[in-house]
């Protein structure tokens, strides 16, 4: 069974850091673009970052550019999202997504029909 699982969420104070991890089981992420979406209270679910299957291309929305860094280790079948300088408005549920047919791009972050989704992990940033 194909499965994505997020980990690393939690509660931090404003300005703090968290590192989210996405681990795939039942399939290899090698040939998949992988992204991170988030659901912030009161807002639509949004794509915030993605990385190409080879890791050579990354994209971020303006809101997280310079604060978040996405990376992947295909040997471990994982994709991480390092989140620094966290703000209270970053609070929400963060989802890992993967799709073999997407290319990581700003357009892909605006598309919600990624093939595989994790269950999400809660991130809470207090002021």
PDB file of N, CA and C in Angstrom:
ATOM      1  N   UNK A   1       0.846  -1.185   0.000  1.00  0.00           N
ATOM      2  CA  UNK A   1       0.000   0.000   0.000  1.00  0.00           C
ATOM      3  C   UNK A   1       0.881   1.235   0.000  1.00  0.00           C
ATOM      4  N   UNK A   2       0.537   2.201  -0.847  1.00  0.00           N
ATOM      5  CA  UNK A   2       1.325   3.416  -0.954  1.00  0.00           C
ATOM      6  C   UNK A   2       0.921   4.388   0.133  1.00  0.00           C
ATOM      7  N   UNK A   3       1.911   4.940   0.787  1.00  0.00           N
ATOM      8  CA  UNK A   3       1.614   5.749   1.969  1.00  0.00           C
ATOM      9  C   UNK A   3       2.653   6.829   2.161  1.00  0.00           C
ATOM     10  N   UNK A   4       2.173   8.038   2.533  1.00  0.00           N
ATOM     11  CA  UNK A   4       3.057   9.129   2.925  1.00  0.00           C
ATOM     12  C   UNK A   4       2.784   9.449   4.381  1.00  0.00           C
ATOM     13  N   UNK A   5       3.814   9.650   5.143  1.00  0.00           N
ATOM     14  CA  UNK A   5       3.638   9.976   6.555  1.00  0.00           C
ATOM     15  C   UNK A   5       4.500  11.168   6.924  1.00  0.00           C
ATOM     16  N   UNK A   6       3.865  12.173   7.524  1.00  0.00           N
ATOM     17  CA  UNK A   6       4.590  13.348   7.988  1.00  0.00           C
ATOM     18  C   UNK A   6       4.957  13.182   9.466  1.00  0.00           C
ATOM     19  N   UNK A   7       6.031  13.813   9.844  1.00  0.00           N
ATOM     20  CA  UNK A   7       6.438  13.856  11.248  1.00  0.00           C
ATOM     21  C   UNK A   7       7.187  15.154  11.494  1.00  0.00           C
ATOM     22  N   UNK A   8       7.348  15.487  12.759  1.00  0.00           N
ATOM     23  CA  UNK A   8       8.139  16.657  13.106  1.00  0.00           C
ATOM     24  C   UNK A   8       7.340  17.884  13.482  1.00  0.00           C
ATOM     25  N   UNK A   9       6.019  17.792  13.394  1.00  0.00           N
ATOM     26  CA  UNK A   9       5.212  18.933  13.809  1.00  0.00           C
ATOM     27  C   UNK A   9       5.273  19.129  15.311  1.00  0.00           C
ATOM     28  N   UNK A  10       4.765  20.247  15.757  1.00  0.00           N
ATOM     29  CA  UNK A  10       4.762  20.523  17.191  1.00  0.00           C
ATOM     30  C   UNK A  10       4.457  21.976  17.460  1.00  0.00           C
ATOM     31  N   UNK A  11       4.782  22.411  18.669  1.00  0.00           N
ATOM     32  CA  UNK A  11       4.513  23.777  19.087  1.00  0.00           C
ATOM     33  C   UNK A  11       5.818  24.501  19.368  1.00  0.00           C
ATOM     34  N   UNK A  12       5.943  25.697  18.834  1.00  0.00           N
ATOM     35  CA  UNK A  12       7.120  26.524  19.054  1.00  0.00           C
ATOM     36  C   UNK A  12       6.684  27.960  19.244  1.00  0.00           C
ATOM     37  N   UNK A  13       7.584  28.758  19.767  1.00  0.00           N
ATOM     38  CA  UNK A  13       7.317  30.187  19.880  1.00  0.00           C
ATOM     39  C   UNK A  13       7.716  30.891  18.591  1.00  0.00           C
ATOM     40  N   UNK A  14       7.148  32.061  18.422  1.00  0.00           N
ATOM     41  CA  UNK A  14       7.465  32.871  17.257  1.00  0.00           C
ATOM     42  C   UNK A  14       8.982  33.059  17.142  1.00  0.00           C
ATOM     43  N   UNK A  15       9.502  32.879  15.937  1.00  0.00           N
ATOM     44  CA  UNK A  15      10.931  32.966  15.704  1.00  0.00           C
ATOM     45  C   UNK A  15      11.655  31.642  15.797  1.00  0.00           C
ATOM     46  N   UNK A  16      10.952  30.623  16.253  1.00  0.00           N
ATOM     47  CA  UNK A  16      11.550  29.308  16.401  1.00  0.00           C
ATOM     48  C   UNK A  16      11.600  28.532  15.101  1.00  0.00           C
ATOM     49  N   UNK A  17      12.066  27.289  15.205  1.00  0.00           N
ATOM     50  CA  UNK A  17      12.243  26.436  14.029  1.00  0.00           C
ATOM     51  C   UNK A  17      11.637  25.062  14.269  1.00  0.00           C
ATOM     52  N   UNK A  18      11.225  24.460  13.180  1.00  0.00           N
ATOM     53  CA  UNK A  18      10.790  23.069  13.170  1.00  0.00           C
ATOM     54  C   UNK A  18      11.279  22.439  11.873  1.00  0.00           C
ATOM     55  N   UNK A  19      11.472  21.136  11.932  1.00  0.00           N
ATOM     56  CA  UNK A  19      11.844  20.397  10.730  1.00  0.00           C
ATOM     57  C   UNK A  19      10.819  19.281  10.521  1.00  0.00           C
ATOM     58  N   UNK A  20      10.089  19.391   9.428  1.00  0.00           N
ATOM     59  CA  UNK A  20       9.111  18.368   9.076  1.00  0.00           C
ATOM     60  C   UNK A  20       9.757  17.343   8.158  1.00  0.00           C
ATOM     61  N   UNK A  21       9.356  16.103   8.328  1.00  0.00           N
ATOM     62  CA  UNK A  21       9.829  15.041   7.453  1.00  0.00           C
ATOM     63  C   UNK A  21       8.646  14.318   6.828  1.00  0.00           C
ATOM     64  N   UNK A  22       8.822  13.916   5.597  1.00  0.00           N
ATOM     65  CA  UNK A  22       7.822  13.124   4.878  1.00  0.00           C
ATOM     66  C   UNK A  22       8.504  11.828   4.455  1.00  0.00           C
ATOM     67  N   UNK A  23       7.950  10.716   4.900  1.00  0.00           N
ATOM     68  CA  UNK A  23       8.509   9.414   4.571  1.00  0.00           C
ATOM     69  C   UNK A  23       7.502   8.625   3.767  1.00  0.00           C
ATOM     70  N   UNK A  24       7.976   8.057   2.669  1.00  0.00           N
ATOM     71  CA  UNK A  24       7.114   7.235   1.817  1.00  0.00           C
ATOM     72  C   UNK A  24       7.315   5.762   2.133  1.00  0.00           C
ATOM     73  N   UNK A  25       6.235   5.017   2.066  1.00  0.00           N
ATOM     74  CA  UNK A  25       6.322   3.570   2.213  1.00  0.00           C
ATOM     75  C   UNK A  25       5.465   2.934   1.130  1.00  0.00           C
ATOM     76  N   UNK A  26       5.915   1.787   0.678  1.00  0.00           N
ATOM     77  CA  UNK A  26       5.175   1.090  -0.358  1.00  0.00           C
ATOM     78  C   UNK A  26       5.542   1.517  -1.761  1.00  0.00           C
ATOM     79  N   UNK A  27       6.351   2.574  -1.879  1.00  0.00           N
ATOM     80  CA  UNK A  27       6.814   3.012  -3.188  1.00  0.00           C
ATOM     81  C   UNK A  27       8.035   3.883  -3.001  1.00  0.00           C
ATOM     82  N   UNK A  28       8.780   4.063  -4.072  1.00  0.00           N
ATOM     83  CA  UNK A  28       9.969   4.905  -4.034  1.00  0.00           C
ATOM     84  C   UNK A  28       9.632   6.302  -4.528  1.00  0.00           C
ATOM     85  N   UNK A  29      10.122   7.298  -3.810  1.00  0.00           N
ATOM     86  CA  UNK A  29       9.889   8.691  -4.198  1.00  0.00           C
ATOM     87  C   UNK A  29      10.814   9.160  -5.311  1.00  0.00           C
ATOM     88  N   UNK A  30      11.713   8.290  -5.744  1.00  0.00           N
ATOM     89  CA  UNK A  30      12.742   8.704  -6.692  1.00  0.00           C
ATOM     90  C   UNK A  30      12.200   9.443  -7.907  1.00  0.00           C
ATOM     91  N   UNK A  31      11.073   8.985  -8.428  1.00  0.00           N
ATOM     92  CA  UNK A  31      10.553   9.550  -9.665  1.00  0.00           C
ATOM     93  C   UNK A  31       9.324  10.424  -9.432  1.00  0.00           C
ATOM     94  N   UNK A  32       9.203  10.935  -8.212  1.00  0.00           N
ATOM     95  CA  UNK A  32       8.048  11.750  -7.856  1.00  0.00           C
ATOM     96  C   UNK A  32       8.491  13.158  -7.499  1.00  0.00           C
ATOM     97  N   UNK A  33       7.771  14.141  -8.020  1.00  0.00           N
ATOM     98  CA  UNK A  33       7.870  15.466  -7.433  1.00  0.00           C
ATOM     99  C   UNK A  33       7.162  15.408  -6.077  1.00  0.00           C
ATOM    100  N   UNK A  34       7.696  16.094  -5.111  1.00  0.00           N
ATOM    101  CA  UNK A  34       7.129  16.099  -3.763  1.00  0.00           C
ATOM    102  C   UNK A  34       6.901  17.529  -3.321  1.00  0.00           C
ATOM    103  N   UNK A  35       5.810  17.753  -2.646  1.00  0.00           N
ATOM    104  CA  UNK A  35       5.493  19.098  -2.185  1.00  0.00           C
ATOM    105  C   UNK A  35       4.966  19.101  -0.764  1.00  0.00           C
ATOM    106  N   UNK A  36       4.847  20.307  -0.243  1.00  0.00           N
ATOM    107  CA  UNK A  36       4.233  20.529   1.060  1.00  0.00           C
ATOM    108  C   UNK A  36       3.091  21.524   0.889  1.00  0.00           C
ATOM    109  N   UNK A  37       1.941  21.145   1.417  1.00  0.00           N
ATOM    110  CA  UNK A  37       0.787  22.020   1.477  1.00  0.00           C
ATOM    111  C   UNK A  37       0.484  22.305   2.942  1.00  0.00           C
ATOM    112  N   UNK A  38      -0.268  23.357   3.175  1.00  0.00           N
ATOM    113  CA  UNK A  38      -0.700  23.613   4.539  1.00  0.00           C
ATOM    114  C   UNK A  38      -2.124  24.137   4.550  1.00  0.00           C
ATOM    115  N   UNK A  39      -2.798  23.840   5.644  1.00  0.00           N
ATOM    116  CA  UNK A  39      -4.162  24.317   5.876  1.00  0.00           C
ATOM    117  C   UNK A  39      -4.120  25.222   7.096  1.00  0.00           C
ATOM    118  N   UNK A  40      -4.166  26.494   6.841  1.00  0.00           N
ATOM    119  CA  UNK A  40      -4.168  27.486   7.912  1.00  0.00           C
ATOM    120  C   UNK A  40      -5.614  27.804   8.247  1.00  0.00           C
ATOM    121  N   UNK A  41      -5.965  27.912   9.531  1.00  0.00           N
ATOM    122  CA  UNK A  41      -7.355  28.200   9.911  1.00  0.00           C
ATOM    123  C   UNK A  41      -7.909  29.417   9.183  1.00  0.00           C
ATOM    124  N   UNK A  42      -9.085  29.244   8.592  1.00  0.00           N
ATOM    125  CA  UNK A  42      -9.743  30.353   7.918  1.00  0.00           C
ATOM    126  C   UNK A  42      -9.289  30.584   6.489  1.00  0.00           C
ATOM    127  N   UNK A  43      -8.352  29.760   6.021  1.00  0.00           N
ATOM    128  CA  UNK A  43      -7.854  29.926   4.649  1.00  0.00           C
ATOM    129  C   UNK A  43      -7.909  28.610   3.896  1.00  0.00           C
ATOM    130  N   UNK A  44      -7.906  28.696   2.593  1.00  0.00           N
ATOM    131  CA  UNK A  44      -7.888  27.486   1.777  1.00  0.00           C
ATOM    132  C   UNK A  44      -6.539  26.793   1.886  1.00  0.00           C
ATOM    133  N   UNK A  45      -6.583  25.480   1.681  1.00  0.00           N
ATOM    134  CA  UNK A  45      -5.328  24.738   1.678  1.00  0.00           C
ATOM    135  C   UNK A  45      -4.445  25.268   0.551  1.00  0.00           C
ATOM    136  N   UNK A  46      -3.174  25.490   0.838  1.00  0.00           N
ATOM    137  CA  UNK A  46      -2.278  26.077  -0.149  1.00  0.00           C
ATOM    138  C   UNK A  46      -0.978  25.304  -0.254  1.00  0.00           C
ATOM    139  N   UNK A  47      -0.456  25.227  -1.454  1.00  0.00           N
ATOM    140  CA  UNK A  47       0.860  24.658  -1.660  1.00  0.00           C
ATOM    141  C   UNK A  47       1.902  25.680  -1.290  1.00  0.00           C
ATOM    142  N   UNK A  48       2.932  25.278  -0.542  1.00  0.00           N
ATOM    143  CA  UNK A  48       3.934  26.229  -0.101  1.00  0.00           C
ATOM    144  C   UNK A  48       5.325  25.941  -0.653  1.00  0.00           C
ATOM    145  N   UNK A  49       5.597  24.703  -0.991  1.00  0.00           N
ATOM    146  CA  UNK A  49       6.921  24.385  -1.512  1.00  0.00           C
ATOM    147  C   UNK A  49       6.886  23.046  -2.225  1.00  0.00           C
ATOM    148  N   UNK A  50       7.788  22.884  -3.186  1.00  0.00           N
ATOM    149  CA  UNK A  50       7.919  21.590  -3.849  1.00  0.00           C
ATOM    150  C   UNK A  50       9.363  21.398  -4.287  1.00  0.00           C
ATOM    151  N   UNK A  51       9.676  20.144  -4.612  1.00  0.00           N
ATOM    152  CA  UNK A  51      11.006  19.791  -5.071  1.00  0.00           C
ATOM    153  C   UNK A  51      10.874  18.755  -6.167  1.00  0.00           C
ATOM    154  N   UNK A  52      11.687  18.893  -7.191  1.00  0.00           N
ATOM    155  CA  UNK A  52      11.627  17.966  -8.314  1.00  0.00           C
ATOM    156  C   UNK A  52      12.167  16.609  -7.904  1.00  0.00           C
ATOM    157  N   UNK A  53      11.915  15.598  -8.741  1.00  0.00           N
ATOM    158  CA  UNK A  53      12.298  14.234  -8.368  1.00  0.00           C
ATOM    159  C   UNK A  53      13.800  14.101  -8.180  1.00  0.00           C
ATOM    160  N   UNK A  54      14.576  14.878  -8.899  1.00  0.00           N
ATOM    161  CA  UNK A  54      16.023  14.816  -8.752  1.00  0.00           C
ATOM    162  C   UNK A  54      16.572  15.781  -7.731  1.00  0.00           C
ATOM    163  N   UNK A  55      15.712  16.651  -7.240  1.00  0.00           N
ATOM    164  CA  UNK A  55      16.136  17.627  -6.247  1.00  0.00           C
ATOM    165  C   UNK A  55      16.740  18.893  -6.832  1.00  0.00           C
ATOM    166  N   UNK A  56      16.819  18.968  -8.164  1.00  0.00           N
ATOM    167  CA  UNK A  56      17.476  20.103  -8.764  1.00  0.00           C
ATOM    168  C   UNK A  56      16.630  21.355  -8.858  1.00  0.00           C
ATOM    169  N   UNK A  57      15.342  21.202  -8.710  1.00  0.00           N
ATOM    170  CA  UNK A  57      14.425  22.343  -8.802  1.00  0.00           C
ATOM    171  C   UNK A  57      13.572  22.409  -7.549  1.00  0.00           C
ATOM    172  N   UNK A  58      13.503  23.597  -6.974  1.00  0.00           N
ATOM    173  CA  UNK A  58      12.622  23.830  -5.822  1.00  0.00           C
ATOM    174  C   UNK A  58      11.803  25.089  -6.087  1.00  0.00           C
ATOM    175  N   UNK A  59      10.674  25.155  -5.455  1.00  0.00           N
ATOM    176  CA  UNK A  59       9.821  26.335  -5.540  1.00  0.00           C
ATOM    177  C   UNK A  59       9.216  26.637  -4.180  1.00  0.00           C
ATOM    178  N   UNK A  60       8.997  27.914  -3.918  1.00  0.00           N
ATOM    179  CA  UNK A  60       8.390  28.353  -2.658  1.00  0.00           C
ATOM    180  C   UNK A  60       7.420  29.488  -2.966  1.00  0.00           C
ATOM    181  N   UNK A  61       6.382  29.557  -2.167  1.00  0.00           N
ATOM    182  CA  UNK A  61       5.542  30.740  -2.265  1.00  0.00           C
ATOM    183  C   UNK A  61       6.270  31.888  -1.566  1.00  0.00           C
ATOM    184  N   UNK A  62       5.872  33.098  -1.910  1.00  0.00           N
ATOM    185  CA  UNK A  62       6.567  34.275  -1.368  1.00  0.00           C
ATOM    186  C   UNK A  62       6.557  34.299   0.156  1.00  0.00           C
ATOM    187  N   UNK A  63       5.468  33.819   0.732  1.00  0.00           N
ATOM    188  CA  UNK A  63       5.295  33.914   2.180  1.00  0.00           C
ATOM    189  C   UNK A  63       6.353  33.120   2.953  1.00  0.00           C
ATOM    190  N   UNK A  64       6.909  32.075   2.359  1.00  0.00           N
ATOM    191  CA  UNK A  64       7.875  31.241   3.076  1.00  0.00           C
ATOM    192  C   UNK A  64       9.266  31.312   2.472  1.00  0.00           C
ATOM    193  N   UNK A  65       9.394  31.946   1.314  1.00  0.00           N
ATOM    194  CA  UNK A  65      10.694  32.076   0.661  1.00  0.00           C
ATOM    195  C   UNK A  65      11.700  32.714   1.609  1.00  0.00           C
ATOM    196  N   UNK A  66      12.861  32.106   1.735  1.00  0.00           N
ATOM    197  CA  UNK A  66      13.894  32.631   2.607  1.00  0.00           C
ATOM    198  C   UNK A  66      13.800  32.141   4.047  1.00  0.00           C
ATOM    199  N   UNK A  67      12.657  31.560   4.402  1.00  0.00           N
ATOM    200  CA  UNK A  67      12.496  31.036   5.767  1.00  0.00           C
ATOM    201  C   UNK A  67      12.427  29.508   5.781  1.00  0.00           C
ATOM    202  N   UNK A  68      11.842  28.939   4.745  1.00  0.00           N
ATOM    203  CA  UNK A  68      11.687  27.482   4.655  1.00  0.00           C
ATOM    204  C   UNK A  68      12.632  26.941   3.585  1.00  0.00           C
ATOM    205  N   UNK A  69      13.116  25.719   3.829  1.00  0.00           N
ATOM    206  CA  UNK A  69      13.975  25.043   2.862  1.00  0.00           C
ATOM    207  C   UNK A  69      13.524  23.604   2.707  1.00  0.00           C
ATOM    208  N   UNK A  70      13.260  23.217   1.466  1.00  0.00           N
ATOM    209  CA  UNK A  70      12.864  21.841   1.178  1.00  0.00           C
ATOM    210  C   UNK A  70      14.070  21.076   0.662  1.00  0.00           C
ATOM    211  N   UNK A  71      14.163  19.818   1.058  1.00  0.00           N
ATOM    212  CA  UNK A  71      15.274  18.988   0.609  1.00  0.00           C
ATOM    213  C   UNK A  71      14.801  17.540   0.551  1.00  0.00           C
ATOM    214  N   UNK A  72      15.534  16.724  -0.153  1.00  0.00           N
ATOM    215  CA  UNK A  72      15.140  15.326  -0.238  1.00  0.00           C
ATOM    216  C   UNK A  72      16.358  14.423  -0.164  1.00  0.00           C
ATOM    217  N   UNK A  73      16.144  13.223   0.350  1.00  0.00           N
ATOM    218  CA  UNK A  73      17.172  12.194   0.394  1.00  0.00           C
ATOM    219  C   UNK A  73      16.535  10.943  -0.176  1.00  0.00           C
ATOM    220  N   UNK A  74      16.748  10.726  -1.451  1.00  0.00           N
ATOM    221  CA  UNK A  74      16.101   9.591  -2.110  1.00  0.00           C
ATOM    222  C   UNK A  74      16.589   8.253  -1.554  1.00  0.00           C
ATOM    223  N   UNK A  75      17.782   8.222  -0.988  1.00  0.00           N
ATOM    224  CA  UNK A  75      18.278   6.975  -0.418  1.00  0.00           C
ATOM    225  C   UNK A  75      17.483   6.582   0.834  1.00  0.00           C
ATOM    226  N   UNK A  76      16.902   7.590   1.487  1.00  0.00           N
ATOM    227  CA  UNK A  76      16.088   7.331   2.682  1.00  0.00           C
ATOM    228  C   UNK A  76      14.592   7.430   2.378  1.00  0.00           C
ATOM    229  N   UNK A  77      14.277   7.777   1.123  1.00  0.00           N
ATOM    230  CA  UNK A  77      12.877   7.908   0.721  1.00  0.00           C
ATOM    231  C   UNK A  77      12.149   8.975   1.537  1.00  0.00           C
ATOM    232  N   UNK A  78      12.848  10.085   1.781  1.00  0.00           N
ATOM    233  CA  UNK A  78      12.270  11.145   2.599  1.00  0.00           C
ATOM    234  C   UNK A  78      12.435  12.512   1.935  1.00  0.00           C
ATOM    235  N   UNK A  79      11.547  13.396   2.300  1.00  0.00           N
ATOM    236  CA  UNK A  79      11.634  14.798   1.917  1.00  0.00           C
ATOM    237  C   UNK A  79      11.411  15.614   3.182  1.00  0.00           C
ATOM    238  N   UNK A  80      12.280  16.562   3.433  1.00  0.00           N
ATOM    239  CA  UNK A  80      12.192  17.376   4.638  1.00  0.00           C
ATOM    240  C   UNK A  80      11.831  18.815   4.303  1.00  0.00           C
ATOM    241  N   UNK A  81      11.238  19.478   5.273  1.00  0.00           N
ATOM    242  CA  UNK A  81      10.959  20.908   5.171  1.00  0.00           C
ATOM    243  C   UNK A  81      11.488  21.571   6.434  1.00  0.00           C
ATOM    244  N   UNK A  82      12.595  22.282   6.298  1.00  0.00           N
ATOM    245  CA  UNK A  82      13.169  23.023   7.417  1.00  0.00           C
ATOM    246  C   UNK A  82      12.477  24.372   7.483  1.00  0.00           C
ATOM    247  N   UNK A  83      11.864  24.663   8.614  1.00  0.00           N
ATOM    248  CA  UNK A  83      11.110  25.900   8.776  1.00  0.00           C
ATOM    249  C   UNK A  83      11.767  26.743   9.861  1.00  0.00           C
ATOM    250  N   UNK A  84      12.275  27.887   9.464  1.00  0.00           N
ATOM    251  CA  UNK A  84      12.919  28.813  10.386  1.00  0.00           C
ATOM    252  C   UNK A  84      12.110  30.104  10.484  1.00  0.00           C
ATOM    253  N   UNK A  85      12.420  30.891  11.501  1.00  0.00           N
ATOM    254  CA  UNK A  85      11.760  32.191  11.697  1.00  0.00           C
ATOM    255  C   UNK A  85      10.244  32.039  11.620  1.00  0.00           C
ATOM    256  N   UNK A  86       9.730  31.061  12.311  1.00  0.00           N
ATOM    257  CA  UNK A  86       8.303  30.785  12.246  1.00  0.00           C
ATOM    258  C   UNK A  86       7.486  31.922  12.848  1.00  0.00           C
ATOM    259  N   UNK A  87       6.319  32.120  12.262  1.00  0.00           N
ATOM    260  CA  UNK A  87       5.408  33.178  12.681  1.00  0.00           C
ATOM    261  C   UNK A  87       4.083  32.551  13.124  1.00  0.00           C
ATOM    262  N   UNK A  88       3.335  33.241  13.945  1.00  0.00           N
ATOM    263  CA  UNK A  88       2.025  32.691  14.350  1.00  0.00           C
ATOM    264  C   UNK A  88       1.131  32.360  13.156  1.00  0.00           C
ATOM    265  N   UNK A  89       1.254  33.125  12.079  1.00  0.00           N
ATOM    266  CA  UNK A  89       0.423  32.860  10.904  1.00  0.00           C
ATOM    267  C   UNK A  89       0.862  31.625  10.127  1.00  0.00           C
ATOM    268  N   UNK A  90       1.952  30.982  10.547  1.00  0.00           N
ATOM    269  CA  UNK A  90       2.343  29.700   9.958  1.00  0.00           C
ATOM    270  C   UNK A  90       1.604  28.540  10.621  1.00  0.00           C
ATOM    271  N   UNK A  91       0.859  28.826  11.653  1.00  0.00           N
ATOM    272  CA  UNK A  91       0.118  27.778  12.357  1.00  0.00           C
ATOM    273  C   UNK A  91      -0.871  27.094  11.430  1.00  0.00           C
ATOM    274  N   UNK A  92      -0.873  25.765  11.452  1.00  0.00           N
ATOM    275  CA  UNK A  92      -1.799  25.019  10.611  1.00  0.00           C
ATOM    276  C   UNK A  92      -1.397  23.566  10.520  1.00  0.00           C
ATOM    277  N   UNK A  93      -2.093  22.836   9.669  1.00  0.00           N
ATOM    278  CA  UNK A  93      -1.776  21.445   9.405  1.00  0.00           C
ATOM    279  C   UNK A  93      -0.974  21.374   8.111  1.00  0.00           C
ATOM    280  N   UNK A  94       0.142  20.697   8.170  1.00  0.00           N
ATOM    281  CA  UNK A  94       1.053  20.601   7.032  1.00  0.00           C
ATOM    282  C   UNK A  94       0.983  19.201   6.428  1.00  0.00           C
ATOM    283  N   UNK A  95       0.818  19.170   5.114  1.00  0.00           N
ATOM    284  CA  UNK A  95       0.655  17.915   4.394  1.00  0.00           C
ATOM    285  C   UNK A  95       1.778  17.713   3.389  1.00  0.00           C
ATOM    286  N   UNK A  96       2.238  16.492   3.308  1.00  0.00           N
ATOM    287  CA  UNK A  96       3.188  16.097   2.281  1.00  0.00           C
ATOM    288  C   UNK A  96       2.397  15.531   1.105  1.00  0.00           C
ATOM    289  N   UNK A  97       2.822  15.880  -0.113  1.00  0.00           N
ATOM    290  CA  UNK A  97       2.149  15.390  -1.308  1.00  0.00           C
ATOM    291  C   UNK A  97       3.187  14.897  -2.302  1.00  0.00           C
ATOM    292  N   UNK A  98       2.767  13.989  -3.155  1.00  0.00           N
ATOM    293  CA  UNK A  98       3.677  13.465  -4.167  1.00  0.00           C
ATOM    294  C   UNK A  98       2.904  13.115  -5.426  1.00  0.00           C
ATOM    295  N   UNK A  99       3.559  13.262  -6.556  1.00  0.00           N
ATOM    296  CA  UNK A  99       2.914  12.927  -7.819  1.00  0.00           C
ATOM    297  C   UNK A  99       3.985  12.605  -8.852  1.00  0.00           C
ATOM    298  N   UNK A 100       3.821  11.507  -9.590  1.00  0.00           N
ATOM    299  CA  UNK A 100       4.832  11.154 -10.582  1.00  0.00           C
ATOM    300  C   UNK A 100       4.722  11.948 -11.872  1.00  0.00           C
ATOM    301  N   UNK A 101       3.588  12.642 -12.049  1.00  0.00           N
ATOM    302  CA  UNK A 101       3.348  13.328 -13.323  1.00  0.00           C
ATOM    303  C   UNK A 101       3.531  14.838 -13.254  1.00  0.00           C
ATOM    304  N   UNK A 102       3.800  15.352 -12.062  1.00  0.00           N
ATOM    305  CA  UNK A 102       3.979  16.797 -11.928  1.00  0.00           C
ATOM    306  C   UNK A 102       5.453  17.156 -11.989  1.00  0.00           C
ATOM    307  N   UNK A 103       5.714  18.337 -12.484  1.00  0.00           N
ATOM    308  CA  UNK A 103       7.035  18.922 -12.382  1.00  0.00           C
ATOM    309  C   UNK A 103       6.936  20.052 -11.383  1.00  0.00           C
ATOM    310  N   UNK A 104       7.864  20.103 -10.461  1.00  0.00           N
ATOM    311  CA  UNK A 104       7.826  21.144  -9.435  1.00  0.00           C
ATOM    312  C   UNK A 104       7.897  22.517 -10.097  1.00  0.00           C
ATOM    313  N   UNK A 105       6.879  23.315  -9.848  1.00  0.00           N
ATOM    314  CA  UNK A 105       6.819  24.653 -10.414  1.00  0.00           C
ATOM    315  C   UNK A 105       5.849  25.469  -9.582  1.00  0.00           C
ATOM    316  N   UNK A 106       5.846  26.766  -9.824  1.00  0.00           N
ATOM    317  CA  UNK A 106       4.889  27.624  -9.128  1.00  0.00           C
ATOM    318  C   UNK A 106       3.462  27.212  -9.475  1.00  0.00           C
ATOM    319  N   UNK A 107       3.266  26.765 -10.716  1.00  0.00           N
ATOM    320  CA  UNK A 107       1.933  26.318 -11.128  1.00  0.00           C
ATOM    321  C   UNK A 107       1.510  25.092 -10.327  1.00  0.00           C
ATOM    322  N   UNK A 108       2.440  24.145 -10.152  1.00  0.00           N
ATOM    323  CA  UNK A 108       2.122  22.909  -9.426  1.00  0.00           C
ATOM    324  C   UNK A 108       1.680  23.204  -7.997  1.00  0.00           C
ATOM    325  N   UNK A 109       2.212  24.261  -7.401  1.00  0.00           N
ATOM    326  CA  UNK A 109       1.819  24.611  -6.039  1.00  0.00           C
ATOM    327  C   UNK A 109       0.395  25.146  -5.978  1.00  0.00           C
ATOM    328  N   UNK A 110      -0.131  25.586  -7.116  1.00  0.00           N
ATOM    329  CA  UNK A 110      -1.502  26.099  -7.133  1.00  0.00           C
ATOM    330  C   UNK A 110      -2.507  25.004  -7.477  1.00  0.00           C
ATOM    331  N   UNK A 111      -1.988  23.811  -7.808  1.00  0.00           N
ATOM    332  CA  UNK A 111      -2.853  22.680  -8.150  1.00  0.00           C
ATOM    333  C   UNK A 111      -3.004  21.786  -6.930  1.00  0.00           C
ATOM    334  N   UNK A 112      -4.208  21.442  -6.573  1.00  0.00           N
ATOM    335  CA  UNK A 112      -4.431  20.629  -5.385  1.00  0.00           C
ATOM    336  C   UNK A 112      -4.569  19.144  -5.683  1.00  0.00           C
ATOM    337  N   UNK A 113      -4.605  18.777  -6.967  1.00  0.00           N
ATOM    338  CA  UNK A 113      -4.870  17.379  -7.307  1.00  0.00           C
ATOM    339  C   UNK A 113      -3.602  16.554  -7.403  1.00  0.00           C
ATOM    340  N   UNK A 114      -2.765  16.656  -6.394  1.00  0.00           N
ATOM    341  CA  UNK A 114      -1.593  15.790  -6.327  1.00  0.00           C
ATOM    342  C   UNK A 114      -2.091  14.388  -6.022  1.00  0.00           C
ATOM    343  N   UNK A 115      -1.409  13.379  -6.503  1.00  0.00           N
ATOM    344  CA  UNK A 115      -1.928  12.014  -6.424  1.00  0.00           C
ATOM    345  C   UNK A 115      -1.912  11.458  -5.015  1.00  0.00           C
ATOM    346  N   UNK A 116      -0.843  11.700  -4.275  1.00  0.00           N
ATOM    347  CA  UNK A 116      -0.725  11.108  -2.936  1.00  0.00           C
ATOM    348  C   UNK A 116      -0.619  12.201  -1.874  1.00  0.00           C
ATOM    349  N   UNK A 117      -1.328  11.980  -0.802  1.00  0.00           N
ATOM    350  CA  UNK A 117      -1.341  12.937   0.319  1.00  0.00           C
ATOM    351  C   UNK A 117      -1.076  12.190   1.618  1.00  0.00           C
ATOM    352  N   UNK A 118      -0.317  12.835   2.504  1.00  0.00           N
ATOM    353  CA  UNK A 118      -0.186  12.296   3.848  1.00  0.00           C
ATOM    354  C   UNK A 118      -1.364  12.739   4.700  1.00  0.00           C
ATOM    355  N   UNK A 119      -1.363  12.315   5.956  1.00  0.00           N
ATOM    356  CA  UNK A 119      -2.462  12.635   6.876  1.00  0.00           C
ATOM    357  C   UNK A 119      -2.303  14.024   7.499  1.00  0.00           C
ATOM    358  N   UNK A 120      -1.117  14.574   7.420  1.00  0.00           N
ATOM    359  CA  UNK A 120      -0.896  15.913   7.950  1.00  0.00           C
ATOM    360  C   UNK A 120      -0.284  15.895   9.340  1.00  0.00           C
ATOM    361  N   UNK A 121       0.429  16.961   9.646  1.00  0.00           N
ATOM    362  CA  UNK A 121       1.016  17.134  10.969  1.00  0.00           C
ATOM    363  C   UNK A 121       0.770  18.575  11.416  1.00  0.00           C
ATOM    364  N   UNK A 122       0.411  18.734  12.687  1.00  0.00           N
ATOM    365  CA  UNK A 122       0.046  20.051  13.203  1.00  0.00           C
ATOM    366  C   UNK A 122       1.290  20.857  13.562  1.00  0.00           C
ATOM    367  N   UNK A 123       1.300  22.089  13.132  1.00  0.00           N
ATOM    368  CA  UNK A 123       2.331  23.048  13.516  1.00  0.00           C
ATOM    369  C   UNK A 123       1.637  24.213  14.203  1.00  0.00           C
ATOM    370  N   UNK A 124       2.083  24.533  15.410  1.00  0.00           N
ATOM    371  CA  UNK A 124       1.490  25.635  16.161  1.00  0.00           C
ATOM    372  C   UNK A 124       2.598  26.592  16.578  1.00  0.00           C
ATOM    373  N   UNK A 125       2.449  27.854  16.191  1.00  0.00           N
ATOM    374  CA  UNK A 125       3.437  28.874  16.525  1.00  0.00           C
ATOM    375  C   UNK A 125       2.756  29.910  17.404  1.00  0.00           C
ATOM    376  N   UNK A 126       3.265  30.080  18.592  1.00  0.00           N
ATOM    377  CA  UNK A 126       2.670  31.021  19.530  1.00  0.00           C
ATOM    378  C   UNK A 126       3.468  32.322  19.550  1.00  0.00           C
ATOM    379  N   UNK A 127       2.760  33.398  19.824  1.00  0.00           N
ATOM    380  CA  UNK A 127       3.421  34.723  19.826  1.00  0.00           C
ATOM    381  C   UNK A 127       4.025  35.037  21.189  1.00  0.00           C
TER     382      UNK A 127
END
